[in-house]
Amino acid sequence: MSYVGIDIGATWTRIAISDSNGNILAKKKIRTLLEHENERDMLRRLQITINDLLDSIDAKNVEAIGVGSIGPLDIRRGIILRTPNLPLESIPIGPYLRKAFNAPTYVVNDCTAAVIGEKFFGAGRKSDNIVYITLSSGIGGGAIVDGNVLFGKDGNAVEIGHIVVDYLGNLRCGCGGYGHWEAYTSGKNIGRFVKFLVEKKYGSEAYRESILSKYSLSPDRLNYPQIIAAASKKDSLALSIMEDIAKINAAGFAGVINAYDPEVISVGGSIVLRNPPELILDPVRKKLKSLIINREPKILVTPLGDDVVLLGAVAIATNPNIIPKKFRDEQHASLC
């Protein structure tokens, strides 16, 4: 029996074929959307890739498909809706794949898939209370509390990137809200945060004297590798900015710990996986004690690396009962 796991990101889509025990038999990474493609073109190319992988292991049938995807989602119908990261209005991923492969198809948020991946294959195998946090172009999370995956009434629980970390609301998030964690220290918005700090706290003269100005004349064009590179050279402004980043991230982590009381927080995403993680997580750990009421959990980099969402999707395909029955039944009903 063959199962399919799919991780749909803004830039890349990862596909894996597994056996019933979750062992990966074949996998491939493709571009999520090519230039000039529409929804159907994208889905057809995904279908072709799955068929090629099945052929490579001489597999004939698909038992079930799990999908972890960027959102927002209509989880009841298995549809990706108006995601800000793709220029498409609606992507009927669930209905399309179910019809193409005549197999049950389960679509969940990518970070929900990731925390399921940690439970089955990664940092949460021995824990019933786990949070996964991604620090990437955006900030997101998934949570398991007392062994139950949190979905919420519409399947959109644990949107931790939209925790308010600045009650003054100095920066606006891409969702339209103000003061959200993602608006400050996500990869997509870090340049805007640096610009705000230069204008309101440190001054333009400090920026001109900083190594950072050699990377970009405008602070809003800076990225994490540049800030970290300058900080590693003991640039005073870069070190101060890293301290501000740590304060914001610590506030976000503290909100997660106080809300969900996890035993383990597993952290993934490009900011942690592509940069020295100790420069991101160690400062957060040092600041948490004064911000949390619950016992501090273990905080670590995901052992599953870039495959954390993909493995979660595989776990969903092979263990669909981890999804609440109401969402499983509604997806099936809408796909028939």
Protein backbone atom coordinates (compact mmCIF):
# COMPACT_ATOMS: atom_id res chain seq x y z
CA MET A 1 0.00 0.00 0.00
CA SER A 2 1.29 3.45 -0.95
CA TYR A 3 0.53 6.75 0.74
CA VAL A 4 1.27 10.27 -0.49
CA GLY A 5 2.45 13.20 1.61
CA ILE A 6 2.60 16.72 0.18
CA ASP A 7 4.08 19.92 1.61
CA ILE A 8 2.90 22.99 -0.31
CA GLY A 9 4.97 26.09 0.36
CA ALA A 10 5.03 29.47 -1.27
CA THR A 11 8.05 28.60 -3.41
CA TRP A 12 8.57 24.84 -3.22
CA THR A 13 6.32 21.81 -3.01
CA ARG A 14 7.69 18.56 -1.59
CA ILE A 15 6.09 15.22 -2.41
CA ALA A 16 6.79 11.84 -0.82
CA ILE A 17 5.52 8.29 -1.27
CA SER A 18 5.54 6.15 1.86
CA ASP A 19 4.50 2.72 3.04
CA SER A 20 1.90 2.15 5.76
CA ASN A 21 4.57 2.62 8.47
CA GLY A 22 5.55 6.06 7.20
CA ASN A 23 8.82 4.92 5.64
CA ILE A 24 9.68 7.19 2.70
CA LEU A 25 10.05 5.20 -0.52
CA ALA A 26 10.50 8.11 -2.95
CA LYS A 27 10.36 11.88 -2.80
CA LYS A 28 10.86 14.97 -4.95
CA LYS A 29 10.82 18.75 -4.68
CA ILE A 30 9.25 20.91 -7.39
CA ARG A 31 8.37 24.57 -7.84
CA THR A 32 4.95 25.28 -6.39
CA LEU A 33 3.93 27.59 -9.23
CA LEU A 34 5.63 28.22 -12.55
CA GLU A 35 5.34 31.48 -14.46
CA HIS A 36 2.00 31.88 -16.25
CA GLU A 37 0.47 28.82 -14.57
CA ASN A 38 -3.10 28.86 -13.28
CA GLU A 39 -4.61 26.63 -10.58
CA ARG A 40 -5.32 23.74 -12.93
CA ASP A 41 -1.84 23.86 -14.47
CA MET A 42 -0.30 23.73 -11.02
CA LEU A 43 -2.44 20.79 -9.94
CA ARG A 44 -1.87 18.86 -13.16
CA ARG A 45 1.90 19.20 -12.74
CA LEU A 46 1.58 17.99 -9.15
CA GLN A 47 -0.45 14.99 -10.34
CA ILE A 48 2.19 14.14 -12.96
CA THR A 49 4.96 14.32 -10.33
CA ILE A 50 3.05 11.98 -8.00
CA ASN A 51 2.52 9.52 -10.86
CA ASP A 52 6.22 9.64 -11.75
CA LEU A 53 7.16 8.86 -8.14
CA LEU A 54 4.68 6.00 -8.02
CA ASP A 55 6.11 4.60 -11.26
CA SER A 56 9.65 4.84 -9.86
CA ILE A 57 8.76 2.34 -7.11
CA ASP A 58 6.35 0.32 -9.26
CA ALA A 59 3.36 1.30 -7.10
CA LYS A 60 -0.09 1.02 -8.63
CA ASN A 61 -2.57 2.49 -6.17
CA VAL A 62 -2.72 5.26 -3.59
CA GLU A 63 -4.43 4.45 -0.29
CA ALA A 64 -4.60 8.02 1.05
CA ILE A 65 -3.09 11.48 0.59
CA GLY A 66 -2.10 13.97 3.29
CA VAL A 67 -1.42 17.64 2.49
CA GLY A 68 0.17 20.30 4.67
CA SER A 69 -0.27 23.67 2.98
CA ILE A 70 0.24 27.37 3.35
CA GLY A 71 -3.04 29.11 4.03
CA PRO A 72 -5.51 30.38 4.60
CA LEU A 73 -7.50 27.21 4.04
CA ASP A 74 -11.10 26.20 3.74
CA ILE A 75 -10.36 23.04 5.71
CA ARG A 76 -13.91 21.75 5.35
CA ARG A 77 -13.56 21.54 1.57
CA GLY A 78 -9.79 21.06 1.33
CA ILE A 79 -9.22 24.29 -0.61
CA ILE A 80 -6.40 26.85 -0.40
CA LEU A 81 -8.02 30.29 -0.35
CA ARG A 82 -6.50 33.58 -1.48
CA THR A 83 -3.09 32.92 -0.01
CA PRO A 84 -0.98 36.11 -0.03
CA ASN A 85 2.03 34.07 -1.14
CA LEU A 86 0.61 32.86 -4.46
CA PRO A 87 -1.16 34.93 -7.16
CA LEU A 88 -4.12 32.54 -7.28
CA GLU A 89 -7.64 33.00 -5.98
CA SER A 90 -8.57 29.45 -5.04
CA ILE A 91 -6.73 26.12 -5.33
CA PRO A 92 -9.00 23.05 -4.97
CA ILE A 93 -6.17 20.77 -3.90
CA GLY A 94 -8.33 18.30 -1.97
CA PRO A 95 -11.09 17.77 -4.56
CA TYR A 96 -8.59 17.55 -7.40
CA LEU A 97 -6.32 14.93 -5.81
CA ARG A 98 -9.17 12.80 -4.53
CA LYS A 99 -10.65 12.60 -8.01
CA ALA A 100 -7.28 12.09 -9.72
CA PHE A 101 -6.20 9.22 -7.47
CA ASN A 102 -9.55 7.95 -6.16
CA ALA A 103 -8.15 8.19 -2.64
CA PRO A 104 -9.13 9.96 0.61
CA THR A 105 -7.33 13.31 0.76
CA TYR A 106 -6.80 15.34 3.92
CA VAL A 107 -5.72 19.00 3.77
CA VAL A 108 -4.47 20.86 6.87
CA ASN A 109 -2.39 23.92 7.66
CA ASP A 110 1.33 23.36 7.14
CA CYS A 111 2.26 24.02 10.78
CA THR A 112 -0.48 21.67 11.95
CA ALA A 113 1.07 19.04 9.69
CA ALA A 114 4.48 19.89 11.13
CA VAL A 115 3.49 19.33 14.76
CA ILE A 116 1.92 16.01 13.71
CA GLY A 117 5.22 15.17 12.02
CA GLU A 118 7.05 15.89 15.28
CA LYS A 119 4.64 13.65 17.19
CA PHE A 120 5.09 10.67 14.87
CA PHE A 121 8.71 11.02 13.74
CA GLY A 122 10.51 13.84 15.56
CA ALA A 123 10.93 15.77 18.78
CA GLY A 124 7.49 14.95 20.19
CA ARG A 125 7.45 11.17 20.00
CA LYS A 126 7.52 10.82 23.80
CA SER A 127 5.37 13.88 24.55
CA ASP A 128 1.65 14.63 24.62
CA ASN A 129 2.13 18.41 24.79
CA ILE A 130 4.08 19.78 21.84
CA VAL A 131 4.26 23.05 19.96
CA TYR A 132 5.91 23.52 16.59
CA ILE A 133 6.98 27.06 15.64
CA THR A 134 8.21 28.10 12.22
CA LEU A 135 10.35 31.21 11.95
CA SER A 136 10.49 31.81 8.23
CA SER A 137 9.09 34.30 5.73
CA GLY A 138 6.13 34.22 8.08
CA ILE A 139 5.67 32.96 11.64
CA GLY A 140 3.30 30.10 12.33
CA GLY A 141 2.59 27.31 14.75
CA GLY A 142 0.90 24.03 15.47
CA ALA A 143 0.05 22.53 18.85
CA ILE A 144 -0.79 19.20 20.44
CA VAL A 145 -2.26 19.47 23.94
CA ASP A 146 -2.86 16.33 26.04
CA GLY A 147 -2.40 14.26 22.90
CA ASN A 148 -4.98 16.20 20.89
CA VAL A 149 -4.08 18.21 17.80
CA LEU A 150 -5.60 21.68 18.10
CA PHE A 151 -7.69 22.70 15.10
CA GLY A 152 -10.30 25.16 16.39
CA LYS A 153 -13.82 25.67 15.12
CA ASP A 154 -12.69 26.32 11.52
CA GLY A 155 -9.35 24.51 11.55
CA ASN A 156 -7.37 27.73 11.97
CA ALA A 157 -6.20 27.46 15.59
CA VAL A 158 -2.63 28.30 16.70
CA GLU A 159 -2.12 31.30 14.41
CA ILE A 160 0.68 32.35 16.73
CA GLY A 161 2.28 34.70 14.21
CA HIS A 162 -0.60 37.03 14.97
CA ILE A 163 -0.01 37.16 18.71
CA VAL A 164 0.20 40.85 19.64
CA VAL A 165 3.74 41.55 20.86
CA ASP A 166 3.47 45.37 20.60
CA TYR A 167 0.31 46.80 22.12
CA LEU A 168 1.15 50.19 20.62
CA GLY A 169 0.75 48.65 17.17
CA ASN A 170 3.72 50.40 15.61
CA LEU A 171 3.91 48.05 12.64
CA ARG A 172 1.12 46.66 10.49
CA CYS A 173 1.01 42.96 9.67
CA GLY A 174 0.32 41.62 6.20
CA CYS A 175 -3.04 40.39 7.52
CA GLY A 176 -4.04 43.99 8.23
CA GLY A 177 -3.69 43.83 12.02
CA TYR A 178 -1.23 45.87 14.07
CA GLY A 179 1.48 44.82 16.50
CA HIS A 180 1.53 41.17 15.42
CA TRP A 181 4.66 39.07 16.00
CA GLU A 182 4.97 38.29 12.29
CA ALA A 183 5.10 42.01 11.44
CA TYR A 184 8.34 42.38 13.39
CA THR A 185 10.70 39.40 13.20
CA SER A 186 9.53 37.26 10.28
CA GLY A 187 11.88 36.99 7.32
CA LYS A 188 9.46 38.89 5.13
CA ASN A 189 9.22 41.83 7.53
CA ILE A 190 12.59 42.01 9.29
CA GLY A 191 13.74 44.86 7.04
CA ARG A 192 10.69 46.93 7.96
CA PHE A 193 11.40 46.31 11.65
CA VAL A 194 15.04 47.40 11.22
CA LYS A 195 13.89 50.54 9.41
CA PHE A 196 11.50 51.30 12.28
CA LEU A 197 14.30 50.82 14.83
CA VAL A 198 16.68 53.07 12.90
CA GLU A 199 14.08 55.81 12.52
CA LYS A 200 12.61 55.68 16.04
CA LYS A 201 15.39 54.39 18.29
CA TYR A 202 18.95 54.38 16.93
CA GLY A 203 19.06 57.16 14.32
CA SER A 204 20.29 57.42 10.75
CA GLU A 205 23.83 58.33 11.81
CA ALA A 206 24.20 55.04 13.66
CA TYR A 207 23.05 53.24 10.53
CA ARG A 208 25.52 55.07 8.27
CA GLU A 209 28.36 54.10 10.62
CA SER A 210 27.24 50.48 10.76
CA ILE A 211 28.40 47.58 8.59
CA LEU A 212 24.72 47.16 7.77
CA SER A 213 24.78 50.23 5.54
CA LYS A 214 27.37 48.47 3.37
CA TYR A 215 24.85 45.74 2.64
CA SER A 216 22.02 48.12 1.83
CA LEU A 217 21.63 51.89 1.81
CA SER A 218 18.04 51.37 2.91
CA PRO A 219 17.51 49.34 6.12
CA ASP A 220 14.17 47.99 4.92
CA ARG A 221 16.03 45.87 2.35
CA LEU A 222 18.13 44.02 4.92
CA ASN A 223 17.71 40.31 5.58
CA TYR A 224 18.63 37.96 8.41
CA PRO A 225 21.96 36.69 6.99
CA GLN A 226 23.18 40.27 6.62
CA ILE A 227 22.16 41.27 10.15
CA ILE A 228 23.72 38.13 11.61
CA ALA A 229 26.90 38.60 9.58
CA ALA A 230 27.29 42.15 10.90
CA ALA A 231 26.56 41.02 14.46
CA SER A 232 29.21 38.30 14.19
CA LYS A 233 31.70 41.07 13.41
CA LYS A 234 30.65 42.82 16.65
CA ASP A 235 28.92 45.67 14.83
CA SER A 236 27.23 47.58 17.64
CA LEU A 237 24.03 48.43 15.76
CA ALA A 238 23.61 44.89 14.48
CA LEU A 239 24.12 43.54 18.01
CA SER A 240 21.49 45.94 19.33
CA ILE A 241 19.06 44.92 16.59
CA MET A 242 19.62 41.24 17.39
CA GLU A 243 18.76 42.09 21.00
CA ASP A 244 15.52 43.74 19.87
CA ILE A 245 14.72 40.70 17.73
CA ALA A 246 15.29 38.46 20.74
CA LYS A 247 12.93 40.56 22.89
CA ILE A 248 10.13 40.30 20.34
CA ASN A 249 10.68 36.58 19.80
CA ALA A 250 10.81 35.96 23.55
CA ALA A 251 7.44 37.71 23.92
CA GLY A 252 6.00 35.46 21.22
CA PHE A 253 7.47 32.27 22.70
CA ALA A 254 6.25 33.31 26.16
CA GLY A 255 2.71 33.76 24.83
CA VAL A 256 2.87 30.25 23.36
CA ILE A 257 4.21 28.71 26.59
CA ASN A 258 1.65 30.46 28.78
CA ALA A 259 -1.21 29.49 26.46
CA TYR A 260 -0.37 25.85 25.64
CA ASP A 261 1.99 24.71 28.44
CA PRO A 262 4.07 22.45 26.16
CA GLU A 263 6.74 19.98 27.22
CA VAL A 264 8.61 20.56 23.97
CA ILE A 265 8.80 23.42 21.50
CA SER A 266 10.31 22.37 18.20
CA VAL A 267 11.43 25.24 15.97
CA GLY A 268 11.87 25.12 12.21
CA GLY A 269 11.79 27.50 9.25
CA SER A 270 14.54 29.14 7.25
CA ILE A 271 15.53 31.71 9.90
CA VAL A 272 16.60 28.90 12.23
CA LEU A 273 17.61 26.26 9.68
CA ARG A 274 19.68 28.58 7.46
CA ASN A 275 21.39 30.63 10.19
CA PRO A 276 23.29 29.66 13.37
CA PRO A 277 20.34 28.63 15.56
CA GLU A 278 22.11 29.60 18.77
CA LEU A 279 22.02 33.23 17.64
CA ILE A 280 18.23 33.04 17.34
CA LEU A 281 17.14 30.68 20.13
CA ASP A 282 19.71 31.15 22.91
CA PRO A 283 18.79 34.82 23.47
CA VAL A 284 15.11 33.81 23.60
CA ARG A 285 15.79 31.15 26.23
CA LYS A 286 17.65 33.69 28.40
CA LYS A 287 14.70 36.09 28.39
CA LEU A 288 11.88 33.64 28.99
CA LYS A 289 12.11 33.21 32.76
CA SER A 290 10.82 36.73 33.44
CA LEU A 291 7.96 36.35 30.94
CA ILE A 292 6.39 32.95 31.64
CA ILE A 293 4.23 31.55 34.40
CA ASN A 294 4.42 27.90 33.30
CA ARG A 295 7.42 25.63 33.69
CA GLU A 296 9.86 26.28 30.85
CA PRO A 297 9.73 23.60 28.13
CA LYS A 298 12.57 22.14 26.17
CA ILE A 299 13.20 24.34 23.11
CA LEU A 300 15.08 22.78 20.20
CA VAL A 301 15.59 22.95 16.45
CA THR A 302 13.41 20.41 14.67
CA PRO A 303 15.31 17.18 14.03
CA LEU A 304 13.23 16.74 10.85
CA GLY A 305 14.72 19.79 9.10
CA ASP A 306 13.04 20.83 5.86
CA ASP A 307 10.97 17.63 5.82
CA VAL A 308 8.97 18.37 8.98
CA VAL A 309 5.76 19.36 7.12
CA LEU A 310 6.23 16.60 4.53
CA LEU A 311 6.56 13.92 7.21
CA GLY A 312 3.53 15.35 8.97
CA ALA A 313 1.55 15.02 5.75
CA VAL A 314 2.69 11.39 5.49
CA ALA A 315 1.58 10.82 9.10
CA ILE A 316 -1.83 12.28 8.29
CA ALA A 317 -2.22 10.04 5.25
CA THR A 318 -1.30 6.91 7.23
CA ASN A 319 -3.13 7.95 10.43
CA PRO A 320 -6.11 10.08 9.37
CA ASN A 321 -7.91 9.61 12.69
CA ILE A 322 -5.59 12.25 14.13
CA ILE A 323 -7.81 14.78 12.31
CA PRO A 324 -11.14 15.47 14.06
CA LYS A 325 -13.96 13.40 12.59
CA LYS A 326 -15.99 16.50 11.68
CA PHE A 327 -13.25 17.73 9.33
CA ARG A 328 -12.60 14.29 7.83
CA ASP A 329 -16.31 13.75 7.17
CA GLU A 330 -16.83 17.24 5.75
CA GLN A 331 -13.84 16.95 3.41
CA HIS A 332 -15.13 13.61 2.14
CA ALA A 333 -18.66 14.91 1.73
CA SER A 334 -17.50 17.95 -0.24
CA LEU A 335 -15.29 15.83 -2.46
CA CYS A 336 -17.91 13.25 -3.44
